[in-house]
C-alpha atoms as a PDB file:
ATOM      1  CA  UNK A   1     -51.124 -42.897 -96.513  1.00  0.00           C
ATOM      2  CA  UNK A   2     -53.043 -43.339 -93.326  1.00  0.00           C
ATOM      3  CA  UNK A   3     -50.112 -41.975 -91.216  1.00  0.00           C
ATOM      4  CA  UNK A   4     -49.994 -38.715 -92.893  1.00  0.00           C
ATOM      5  CA  UNK A   5     -53.681 -38.252 -92.968  1.00  0.00           C
ATOM      6  CA  UNK A   6     -53.849 -39.192 -89.338  1.00  0.00           C
ATOM      7  CA  UNK A   7     -51.379 -36.279 -88.497  1.00  0.00           C
ATOM      8  CA  UNK A   8     -53.221 -33.934 -90.649  1.00  0.00           C
ATOM      9  CA  UNK A   9     -56.526 -34.363 -88.683  1.00  0.00           C
ATOM     10  CA  UNK A  10     -55.074 -32.953 -85.310  1.00  0.00           C
ATOM     11  CA  UNK A  11     -56.040 -30.004 -83.502  1.00  0.00           C
ATOM     12  CA  UNK A  12     -54.494 -27.981 -80.574  1.00  0.00           C
ATOM     13  CA  UNK A  13     -55.413 -29.105 -76.894  1.00  0.00           C
ATOM     14  CA  UNK A  14     -56.936 -26.641 -74.510  1.00  0.00           C
ATOM     15  CA  UNK A  15     -54.786 -25.259 -71.651  1.00  0.00           C
ATOM     16  CA  UNK A  16     -56.383 -27.701 -69.242  1.00  0.00           C
ATOM     17  CA  UNK A  17     -55.559 -30.829 -71.291  1.00  0.00           C
ATOM     18  CA  UNK A  18     -52.033 -29.415 -72.034  1.00  0.00           C
ATOM     19  CA  UNK A  19     -51.427 -29.422 -68.145  1.00  0.00           C
ATOM     20  CA  UNK A  20     -52.731 -32.990 -67.886  1.00  0.00           C
ATOM     21  CA  UNK A  21     -51.008 -34.543 -70.845  1.00  0.00           C
ATOM     22  CA  UNK A  22     -47.492 -33.561 -72.137  1.00  0.00           C
ATOM     23  CA  UNK A  23     -48.827 -32.557 -75.647  1.00  0.00           C
ATOM     24  CA  UNK A  24     -49.814 -29.534 -77.503  1.00  0.00           C
ATOM     25  CA  UNK A  25     -51.939 -31.190 -80.018  1.00  0.00           C
ATOM     26  CA  UNK A  26     -53.790 -34.519 -80.508  1.00  0.00           C
ATOM     27  CA  UNK A  27     -55.574 -36.436 -83.544  1.00  0.00           C
ATOM     28  CA  UNK A  28     -59.320 -35.558 -83.386  1.00  0.00           C
ATOM     29  CA  UNK A  29     -61.554 -38.538 -83.035  1.00  0.00           C
ATOM     30  CA  UNK A  30     -65.242 -39.040 -82.983  1.00  0.00           C
ATOM     31  CA  UNK A  31     -67.050 -38.067 -79.536  1.00  0.00           C
ATOM     32  CA  UNK A  32     -64.189 -35.592 -78.645  1.00  0.00           C
ATOM     33  CA  UNK A  33     -65.418 -32.202 -77.722  1.00  0.00           C
ATOM     34  CA  UNK A  34     -64.207 -29.324 -79.664  1.00  0.00           C
ATOM     35  CA  UNK A  35     -64.487 -25.478 -79.892  1.00  0.00           C
ATOM     36  CA  UNK A  36     -64.283 -23.565 -82.937  1.00  0.00           C
ATOM     37  CA  UNK A  37     -61.808 -20.826 -82.798  1.00  0.00           C
ATOM     38  CA  UNK A  38     -61.623 -19.315 -86.276  1.00  0.00           C
ATOM     39  CA  UNK A  39     -64.043 -18.779 -88.984  1.00  0.00           C
ATOM     40  CA  UNK A  40     -67.766 -18.315 -89.535  1.00  0.00           C
ATOM     41  CA  UNK A  41     -68.559 -20.547 -86.676  1.00  0.00           C
ATOM     42  CA  UNK A  42     -66.331 -19.201 -84.192  1.00  0.00           C
ATOM     43  CA  UNK A  43     -67.349 -19.893 -80.632  1.00  0.00           C
ATOM     44  CA  UNK A  44     -69.236 -23.028 -81.457  1.00  0.00           C
ATOM     45  CA  UNK A  45     -68.640 -25.943 -79.058  1.00  0.00           C
ATOM     46  CA  UNK A  46     -69.890 -29.511 -79.569  1.00  0.00           C
ATOM     47  CA  UNK A  47     -68.949 -33.142 -80.088  1.00  0.00           C
ATOM     48  CA  UNK A  48     -67.467 -34.494 -83.476  1.00  0.00           C
ATOM     49  CA  UNK A  49     -69.979 -36.397 -85.383  1.00  0.00           C
ATOM     50  CA  UNK A  50     -68.064 -37.333 -88.427  1.00  0.00           C
ATOM     51  CA  UNK A  51     -64.330 -36.984 -89.807  1.00  0.00           C
ATOM     52  CA  UNK A  52     -63.690 -36.278 -93.461  1.00  0.00           C
ATOM     53  CA  UNK A  53     -59.966 -37.507 -94.188  1.00  0.00           C
ATOM     54  CA  UNK A  54     -60.132 -36.166 -97.686  1.00  0.00           C
ATOM     55  CA  UNK A  55     -60.556 -32.610 -96.592  1.00  0.00           C
ATOM     56  CA  UNK A  56     -59.125 -32.802 -93.115  1.00  0.00           C
ATOM     57  CA  UNK A  57     -62.243 -31.347 -91.618  1.00  0.00           C
ATOM     58  CA  UNK A  58     -64.840 -32.510 -89.052  1.00  0.00           C
ATOM     59  CA  UNK A  59     -68.582 -32.314 -88.672  1.00  0.00           C
ATOM     60  CA  UNK A  60     -69.938 -31.100 -85.116  1.00  0.00           C
ATOM     61  CA  UNK A  61     -73.223 -32.439 -83.877  1.00  0.00           C
ATOM     62  CA  UNK A  62     -76.172 -30.227 -84.234  1.00  0.00           C
ATOM     63  CA  UNK A  63     -74.264 -27.863 -86.661  1.00  0.00           C
ATOM     64  CA  UNK A  64     -76.280 -28.149 -90.021  1.00  0.00           C
ATOM     65  CA  UNK A  65     -76.843 -25.841 -92.901  1.00  0.00           C
ATOM     66  CA  UNK A  66     -80.172 -25.873 -94.851  1.00  0.00           C
ATOM     67  CA  UNK A  67     -79.951 -26.235 -98.543  1.00  0.00           C
ATOM     68  CA  UNK A  68     -82.460 -24.450-101.033  1.00  0.00           C
ATOM     69  CA  UNK A  69     -84.518 -27.729-101.488  1.00  0.00           C
ATOM     70  CA  UNK A  70     -84.959 -28.014 -97.511  1.00  0.00           C
ATOM     71  CA  UNK A  71     -82.706 -30.827 -96.695  1.00  0.00           C
ATOM     72  CA  UNK A  72     -80.266 -30.215 -93.808  1.00  0.00           C
ATOM     73  CA  UNK A  73     -76.538 -31.083 -94.501  1.00  0.00           C
ATOM     74  CA  UNK A  74     -73.536 -31.238 -92.015  1.00  0.00           C
ATOM     75  CA  UNK A  75     -71.072 -28.427 -92.054  1.00  0.00           C
ATOM     76  CA  UNK A  76     -67.491 -29.517 -92.170  1.00  0.00           C
ATOM     77  CA  UNK A  77     -65.018 -27.314 -90.379  1.00  0.00           C
ATOM     78  CA  UNK A  78     -61.235 -27.689 -90.998  1.00  0.00           C
ATOM     79  CA  UNK A  79     -59.541 -29.177 -88.028  1.00  0.00           C
ATOM     80  CA  UNK A  80     -56.801 -26.604 -87.567  1.00  0.00           C
ATOM     81  CA  UNK A  81     -59.766 -24.044 -86.927  1.00  0.00           C
ATOM     82  CA  UNK A  82     -60.595 -26.006 -83.631  1.00  0.00           C
ATOM     83  CA  UNK A  83     -59.284 -26.698 -80.020  1.00  0.00           C
ATOM     84  CA  UNK A  84     -60.053 -30.055 -78.396  1.00  0.00           C
ATOM     85  CA  UNK A  85     -61.721 -29.214 -74.994  1.00  0.00           C
ATOM     86  CA  UNK A  86     -62.059 -32.765 -73.761  1.00  0.00           C
ATOM     87  CA  UNK A  87     -61.063 -36.237 -75.199  1.00  0.00           C
ATOM     88  CA  UNK A  88     -62.934 -39.358 -75.711  1.00  0.00           C
ATOM     89  CA  UNK A  89     -61.108 -41.626 -73.263  1.00  0.00           C
ATOM     90  CA  UNK A  90     -62.633 -44.963 -74.352  1.00  0.00           C
ATOM     91  CA  UNK A  91     -59.524 -45.859 -76.266  1.00  0.00           C
ATOM     92  CA  UNK A  92     -56.845 -47.191 -74.002  1.00  0.00           C
ATOM     93  CA  UNK A  93     -54.159 -47.217 -76.510  1.00  0.00           C
ATOM     94  CA  UNK A  94     -54.990 -43.447 -77.411  1.00  0.00           C
ATOM     95  CA  UNK A  95     -54.454 -42.513 -73.545  1.00  0.00           C
ATOM     96  CA  UNK A  96     -51.168 -44.412 -73.522  1.00  0.00           C
ATOM     97  CA  UNK A  97     -49.950 -42.366 -76.421  1.00  0.00           C
ATOM     98  CA  UNK A  98     -51.156 -39.052 -74.972  1.00  0.00           C
ATOM     99  CA  UNK A  99     -49.392 -39.718 -71.549  1.00  0.00           C
ATOM    100  CA  UNK A 100     -46.216 -40.725 -73.202  1.00  0.00           C
ATOM    101  CA  UNK A 101     -43.672 -37.900 -72.792  1.00  0.00           C
ATOM    102  CA  UNK A 102     -42.564 -36.435 -75.946  1.00  0.00           C
ATOM    103  CA  UNK A 103     -38.802 -36.577 -77.068  1.00  0.00           C
ATOM    104  CA  UNK A 104     -38.297 -33.076 -76.519  1.00  0.00           C
ATOM    105  CA  UNK A 105     -39.570 -33.018 -72.917  1.00  0.00           C
ATOM    106  CA  UNK A 106     -37.250 -36.204 -72.220  1.00  0.00           C
ATOM    107  CA  UNK A 107     -34.191 -34.110 -73.557  1.00  0.00           C
ATOM    108  CA  UNK A 108     -35.158 -31.026 -71.534  1.00  0.00           C
ATOM    109  CA  UNK A 109     -35.736 -33.173 -68.365  1.00  0.00           C
ATOM    110  CA  UNK A 110     -32.148 -34.891 -68.874  1.00  0.00           C
ATOM    111  CA  UNK A 111     -30.591 -31.398 -69.241  1.00  0.00           C
ATOM    112  CA  UNK A 112     -32.448 -30.133 -66.180  1.00  0.00           C
ATOM    113  CA  UNK A 113     -31.029 -33.143 -64.130  1.00  0.00           C
ATOM    114  CA  UNK A 114     -27.536 -32.537 -65.411  1.00  0.00           C
ATOM    115  CA  UNK A 115     -27.644 -28.864 -64.466  1.00  0.00           C
ATOM    116  CA  UNK A 116     -28.984 -29.600 -61.023  1.00  0.00           C
ATOM    117  CA  UNK A 117     -26.529 -32.209 -60.496  1.00  0.00           C
ATOM    118  CA  UNK A 118     -23.702 -29.705 -61.673  1.00  0.00           C
ATOM    119  CA  UNK A 119     -25.005 -27.162 -59.094  1.00  0.00           C
ATOM    120  CA  UNK A 120     -25.308 -29.747 -56.270  1.00  0.00           C
ATOM    121  CA  UNK A 121     -21.543 -30.748 -56.933  1.00  0.00           C
ATOM    122  CA  UNK A 122     -20.703 -27.314 -57.020  1.00  0.00           C
ATOM    123  CA  UNK A 123     -22.501 -26.462 -53.859  1.00  0.00           C
ATOM    124  CA  UNK A 124     -20.695 -29.514 -52.180  1.00  0.00           C
ATOM    125  CA  UNK A 125     -17.351 -28.089 -53.194  1.00  0.00           C
ATOM    126  CA  UNK A 126     -18.213 -24.872 -51.827  1.00  0.00           C
ATOM    127  CA  UNK A 127     -19.357 -26.359 -48.577  1.00  0.00           C
ATOM    128  CA  UNK A 128     -16.262 -28.538 -48.243  1.00  0.00           C
ATOM    129  CA  UNK A 129     -14.039 -25.485 -48.788  1.00  0.00           C
ATOM    130  CA  UNK A 130     -16.119 -23.545 -46.150  1.00  0.00           C
ATOM    131  CA  UNK A 131     -15.724 -26.550 -43.729  1.00  0.00           C
ATOM    132  CA  UNK A 132     -12.029 -26.577 -44.384  1.00  0.00           C
ATOM    133  CA  UNK A 133     -11.717 -22.850 -43.838  1.00  0.00           C
ATOM    134  CA  UNK A 134     -13.622 -23.154 -40.589  1.00  0.00           C
ATOM    135  CA  UNK A 135     -11.475 -25.947 -39.427  1.00  0.00           C
ATOM    136  CA  UNK A 136      -8.358 -24.000 -40.313  1.00  0.00           C
ATOM    137  CA  UNK A 137      -9.751 -20.944 -38.442  1.00  0.00           C
ATOM    138  CA  UNK A 138     -10.532 -22.982 -35.265  1.00  0.00           C
ATOM    139  CA  UNK A 139      -6.990 -24.349 -35.388  1.00  0.00           C
ATOM    140  CA  UNK A 140      -5.679 -21.035 -35.814  1.00  0.00           C
ATOM    141  CA  UNK A 141      -7.927 -19.659 -32.714  1.00  0.00           C
ATOM    142  CA  UNK A 142      -6.508 -22.551 -30.638  1.00  0.00           C
ATOM    143  CA  UNK A 143      -2.868 -21.776 -31.510  1.00  0.00           C
ATOM    144  CA  UNK A 144      -3.313 -18.232 -30.793  1.00  0.00           C
ATOM    145  CA  UNK A 145      -4.889 -19.182 -27.267  1.00  0.00           C
ATOM    146  CA  UNK A 146      -2.006 -21.483 -26.504  1.00  0.00           C
ATOM    147  CA  UNK A 147       0.517 -18.803 -27.386  1.00  0.00           C
ATOM    148  CA  UNK A 148      -0.914 -16.343 -24.996  1.00  0.00           C
END
């Protein structure tokens, strides 16, 4: 099915893109810039020219292999051996998906908010107790002065 094939042609995002978008990986599309991190072509960077859904691999512009007869053929690299360094931002729908926060991030944010509210309520209680103690001390000090 197209949904499973789409998920299989994904690659990790670079650290810069991870800071920008709350994702670890994204689907590779034509005109994305990728860097090969494993295999024979390690270190190679370039734009994605073709995508093969059958073998879950991509062809990078300018990366061709010469056959014995002399013709040049695209070299396909498996998508998991690459990192996306810049995204093709022509598709607005893709950007909307990338900017959407993942469910795990939303849960973590809710938990952090609960912890902060609990800490704030505990701090308020402590400050109320401290202010009550100060008031008692003031009253005791006034009573002591009056007795003298």
